[in-house]
Protein backbone atom coordinates (compact mmCIF):
# COMPACT_ATOMS: atom_id res chain seq x y z
CA VAL A 1 -0.07 -5.52 -19.42
CA VAL A 2 -1.39 -2.16 -19.95
CA GLY A 3 -3.53 0.34 -18.08
CA SER A 4 -3.31 3.44 -15.55
CA ARG A 5 -3.59 4.37 -12.08
CA HIS A 6 -7.14 5.55 -11.19
CA VAL A 7 -7.88 9.43 -11.04
CA ILE A 8 -10.11 11.09 -8.52
CA PRO A 9 -13.33 12.65 -9.42
CA ASP A 10 -14.37 16.56 -9.58
CA ASN A 11 -14.50 18.58 -6.13
CA PRO A 12 -12.82 15.84 -4.16
CA SER A 13 -12.04 15.71 -0.17
CA TRP A 14 -8.67 16.93 0.94
CA VAL A 15 -7.96 13.39 1.83
CA GLU A 16 -8.67 11.98 -1.69
CA GLU A 17 -6.59 15.09 -3.12
CA VAL A 18 -3.44 14.92 -1.07
CA TRP A 19 -3.28 11.11 -1.57
CA HIS A 20 -3.63 11.41 -5.35
CA GLN A 21 -0.98 13.95 -5.33
CA ALA A 22 1.26 11.80 -3.72
CA HIS A 23 0.88 8.75 -5.68
CA HIS A 24 0.21 10.11 -9.29
CA LEU A 25 2.72 11.71 -11.18
CA LYS A 26 1.97 14.40 -13.78
CA VAL A 27 0.09 13.29 -16.69
CA ARG A 28 2.26 11.91 -19.33
CA GLU A 29 1.59 11.48 -23.31
CA GLN A 30 4.09 8.74 -23.47
CA PRO A 31 3.61 5.08 -22.01
CA ARG A 32 6.10 4.02 -19.27
CA GLU A 33 6.98 0.67 -17.48
CA VAL A 34 5.91 0.67 -14.09
CA PRO A 35 5.70 -2.15 -11.02
CA TYR A 36 1.85 -2.60 -11.08
CA ILE A 37 -1.55 -1.41 -12.32
CA PRO A 38 -4.71 -1.47 -10.45
CA ALA A 39 -6.77 -4.22 -11.58
CA GLY A 40 -9.78 -1.79 -11.96
CA ASN A 41 -8.17 -0.21 -15.20
CA LEU A 42 -5.74 -3.06 -16.39
CA VAL A 43 -5.36 -4.81 -19.54
CA VAL A 44 -3.72 -8.29 -20.00
CA ARG A 45 -3.19 -10.88 -22.55
CA ALA A 46 -5.37 -13.88 -22.19
CA ASP A 47 -2.32 -16.01 -22.99
CA VAL A 48 -0.24 -14.38 -20.40
CA PHE A 49 -2.92 -14.46 -17.86
CA ARG A 50 -3.20 -18.21 -18.23
CA GLN A 51 0.56 -18.81 -18.20
CA VAL A 52 0.87 -17.30 -14.63
CA GLN A 53 -2.41 -18.94 -13.37
CA GLY A 54 -4.36 -15.76 -13.32
CA PHE A 55 -5.40 -13.88 -9.84
CA ASP A 56 -4.63 -15.90 -6.80
CA PRO A 57 -8.07 -16.79 -5.19
CA SER A 58 -6.66 -17.53 -1.84
CA MET A 59 -5.95 -13.28 -1.41
CA GLU A 60 -8.95 -11.51 -0.05
CA THR A 61 -7.07 -8.15 -1.04
CA GLY A 62 -3.86 -7.38 -2.84
CA GLU A 63 -4.32 -9.52 -5.78
CA ASP A 64 -3.49 -6.99 -8.55
CA PRO A 65 -0.05 -6.27 -7.28
CA ASP A 66 0.57 -9.95 -6.84
CA LEU A 67 -0.68 -10.65 -10.53
CA CYS A 68 1.58 -7.97 -11.95
CA ASN A 69 4.48 -9.18 -9.79
CA ARG A 70 4.03 -12.79 -11.34
CA ILE A 71 3.62 -11.20 -14.56
CA ARG A 72 7.10 -9.65 -14.32
CA SER A 73 8.96 -12.22 -12.85
CA ALA A 74 7.73 -14.21 -16.05
CA GLY A 75 9.73 -11.59 -18.35
CA TYR A 76 6.85 -9.30 -19.40
CA ASN A 77 6.30 -5.68 -18.78
CA ILE A 78 4.14 -3.47 -17.19
CA VAL A 79 3.23 -0.61 -18.96
CA GLU A 80 1.18 2.62 -17.95
CA TRP A 81 -0.31 4.93 -20.18
CA ASP A 82 -2.36 8.13 -19.00
CA ARG A 83 -4.64 8.19 -21.89
CA ILE A 84 -6.20 5.14 -20.58
CA ARG A 85 -8.21 7.02 -17.91
CA CYS A 86 -10.49 5.74 -15.24
CA VAL A 87 -12.21 7.67 -12.56
CA HIS A 88 -12.55 5.79 -9.29
CA LEU A 89 -15.42 6.97 -7.07
CA GLY A 90 -14.53 4.78 -4.21
CA GLU A 91 -11.34 6.42 -2.81
CA PRO A 92 -11.69 7.20 0.87
CA LYS A 93 -12.44 10.55 1.57
CA THR A 94 -11.95 10.69 5.47
CA LEU A 95 -9.09 9.67 7.61
CA LEU A 96 -11.41 6.94 9.20
CA GLN A 97 -12.17 5.82 5.51
CA VAL A 98 -8.41 5.47 5.05
CA PHE A 99 -8.23 3.33 8.26
CA ARG A 100 -10.76 1.01 7.27
CA ARG A 101 -9.60 0.57 3.93
CA GLU A 102 -6.05 -0.38 4.95
CA ARG A 103 -7.40 -2.56 7.41
CA TRP A 104 -8.88 -4.44 4.90
CA HIS A 105 -6.07 -4.08 2.50
CA GLY A 106 -3.92 -5.37 5.12
CA ARG A 107 -5.92 -8.78 5.38
CA GLY A 108 -4.62 -10.12 2.22
CA VAL A 109 -1.18 -8.28 1.96
CA ARG A 110 1.33 -10.62 0.36
CA LEU A 111 4.38 -10.75 2.75
CA ARG A 112 6.97 -11.81 -0.10
CA TYR A 113 5.94 -11.80 -3.92
CA ALA A 114 7.15 -14.16 -6.74
CA ASP A 115 10.32 -12.76 -6.97
CA GLY A 116 10.77 -13.14 -3.54
CA LYS A 117 11.71 -9.42 -2.14
CA TRP A 118 9.89 -7.92 1.16
CA ALA A 119 7.44 -5.04 0.22
CA PRO A 120 8.95 -1.95 2.14
CA VAL A 121 5.38 -0.99 3.31
CA VAL A 122 5.20 -4.41 5.06
CA ILE A 123 8.67 -3.74 6.81
CA ALA A 124 7.61 -0.23 7.51
CA THR A 125 4.18 -1.74 9.05
CA VAL A 126 6.22 -4.27 11.26
CA LEU A 127 8.33 -1.35 12.68
CA PHE A 128 5.33 0.90 13.31
CA LEU A 129 3.43 -1.58 15.12
CA LEU A 130 6.29 -2.96 17.24
CA LEU A 131 7.40 0.62 18.03
CA ILE A 132 3.48 1.30 19.40
CA LEU A 133 3.41 -1.92 21.39
CA ALA A 134 6.74 -0.94 22.98
CA GLY A 135 5.24 2.26 24.05
CA LEU A 136 1.92 1.00 25.32
CA ALA A 137 3.83 -1.94 27.08
CA GLY A 138 6.48 0.96 28.58
CA LEU A 139 3.13 2.95 29.89
CA ALA A 140 1.32 -0.33 31.14
CA ALA A 141 4.56 -1.55 33.26
CA SER A 142 5.92 1.41 34.69
CA GLY A 143 3.09 4.17 34.49
CA ALA A 144 4.15 7.78 34.68
CA LEU A 145 7.54 6.37 35.18
CA GLY A 146 7.86 4.76 31.48
CA ALA A 147 6.24 8.12 30.15
CA VAL A 148 9.62 9.17 28.68
CA PRO A 149 10.45 6.09 26.80
CA SER A 150 7.20 5.03 25.87
CA LEU A 151 6.84 8.96 24.26
CA ALA A 152 9.90 8.19 22.42
CA SER A 153 8.83 5.00 21.35
CA PHE A 154 5.48 6.63 20.01
CA ALA A 155 7.57 9.57 18.53
CA LEU A 156 9.65 6.92 16.29
CA ALA A 157 6.26 5.32 15.10
CA LEU A 158 4.99 8.55 13.93
CA GLY A 159 8.33 9.21 12.21
CA ILE A 160 7.66 6.41 9.66
CA PRO A 161 4.40 8.06 8.14
CA ALA A 162 6.39 11.19 8.16
CA VAL A 163 9.41 9.77 6.50
CA PHE A 164 6.73 8.00 3.76
CA ALA A 165 5.09 11.54 3.46
CA ALA A 166 8.48 13.24 2.94
CA VAL A 167 9.51 10.73 -0.03
CA LYS A 168 6.31 12.13 -2.09
CA ARG A 169 7.77 15.61 -1.67
CA ARG A 170 8.51 16.19 -5.38
CA THR A 171 4.82 15.64 -6.22
CA VAL A 172 3.16 17.19 -3.25
CA PRO A 173 3.76 20.81 -2.06
CA LEU A 174 5.66 21.42 0.96
CA HIS A 175 2.60 22.70 3.05
CA ARG A 176 0.63 19.65 2.08
CA LEU A 177 3.23 17.31 3.55
CA PRO A 178 1.91 17.36 7.33
CA ALA A 179 -1.68 16.80 5.86
CA LEU A 180 -0.13 13.80 3.77
CA THR A 181 1.91 12.88 7.23
CA LEU A 182 -1.49 12.62 8.93
CA VAL A 183 -3.06 10.44 6.22
CA TYR A 184 -0.17 8.03 6.52
CA THR A 185 -0.54 7.82 9.98
CA PHE A 186 -4.09 6.58 9.60
CA TYR A 187 -2.90 4.36 6.62
CA PHE A 188 -0.22 2.43 9.15
CA LEU A 189 -2.82 2.12 12.02
CA GLY A 190 -5.35 0.28 9.72
CA ARG A 191 -2.46 -1.80 8.15
CA ALA A 192 -0.84 -2.41 11.59
CA THR A 193 -4.25 -3.64 13.09
CA SER A 194 -4.46 -6.23 10.19
CA LEU A 195 -0.89 -7.42 10.28
CA PRO A 196 -0.71 -10.22 12.68
CA GLY A 197 -3.98 -11.99 11.00
CA ALA A 198 -2.28 -11.39 7.88
CA ILE A 199 1.14 -13.06 9.11
CA ALA A 200 -0.86 -15.98 10.55
CA ARG A 201 -2.85 -16.39 7.05
CA ALA A 202 0.51 -16.40 5.31
CA MET A 203 1.91 -19.25 7.46
CA PHE A 204 -0.96 -21.63 6.77
CA ARG A 205 -2.11 -20.39 3.31
CA LYS A 206 -2.01 -22.99 0.65
CA LYS A 207 0.75 -22.48 -2.13
CA GLY A 208 -0.92 -20.12 -4.94
CA PRO A 209 -0.10 -19.79 -8.58
CA GLN A 210 3.45 -19.46 -9.24
CA ALA A 211 5.18 -17.54 -12.31
CA ASP A 212 6.20 -19.93 -14.88
CA GLY A 213 10.28 -20.10 -15.09
């Protein structure tokens, strides 16, 4: 597999810009191995595509990392080359659009991939949702008396997007990390709203394609 992550158009919104800074390394002339490439700018050998049985038609979203994971599990490489350039005009431009996109992306999330590993973002989303629910339950059960532990629960939940933003400090300027934390907050809010449905679908989903070997 070869390709490259999308780049943003000229004059992006602040949401597009900070998200792009967080998830795209500086342009490199040399190809490098990566975990996956978005399907919008991906080329794969036909025989390899057939070997792993192509995209999983049972997935509503997330079919490209699932495909790449099965290809890697079959022993092949995923290579990114920045000279293969594709401008994506559909990136979220506002926080509301981030929420809507991740609510949709979360519908098709694969809880575990072909190699059996749990995605860190899935684990983080579960924790985020549990902390939010714990905070809401505390407020509902004890009113003002439950405000302190509930606020602590909400603060811990908001710490998750803050941690994800802090991990990107090598590519995002320090003064932009609060903005990235805000974007990640809406990211996890969107993922959290669709997580229960994604878990239910995973429990009843028919067995999808698996990598040979």
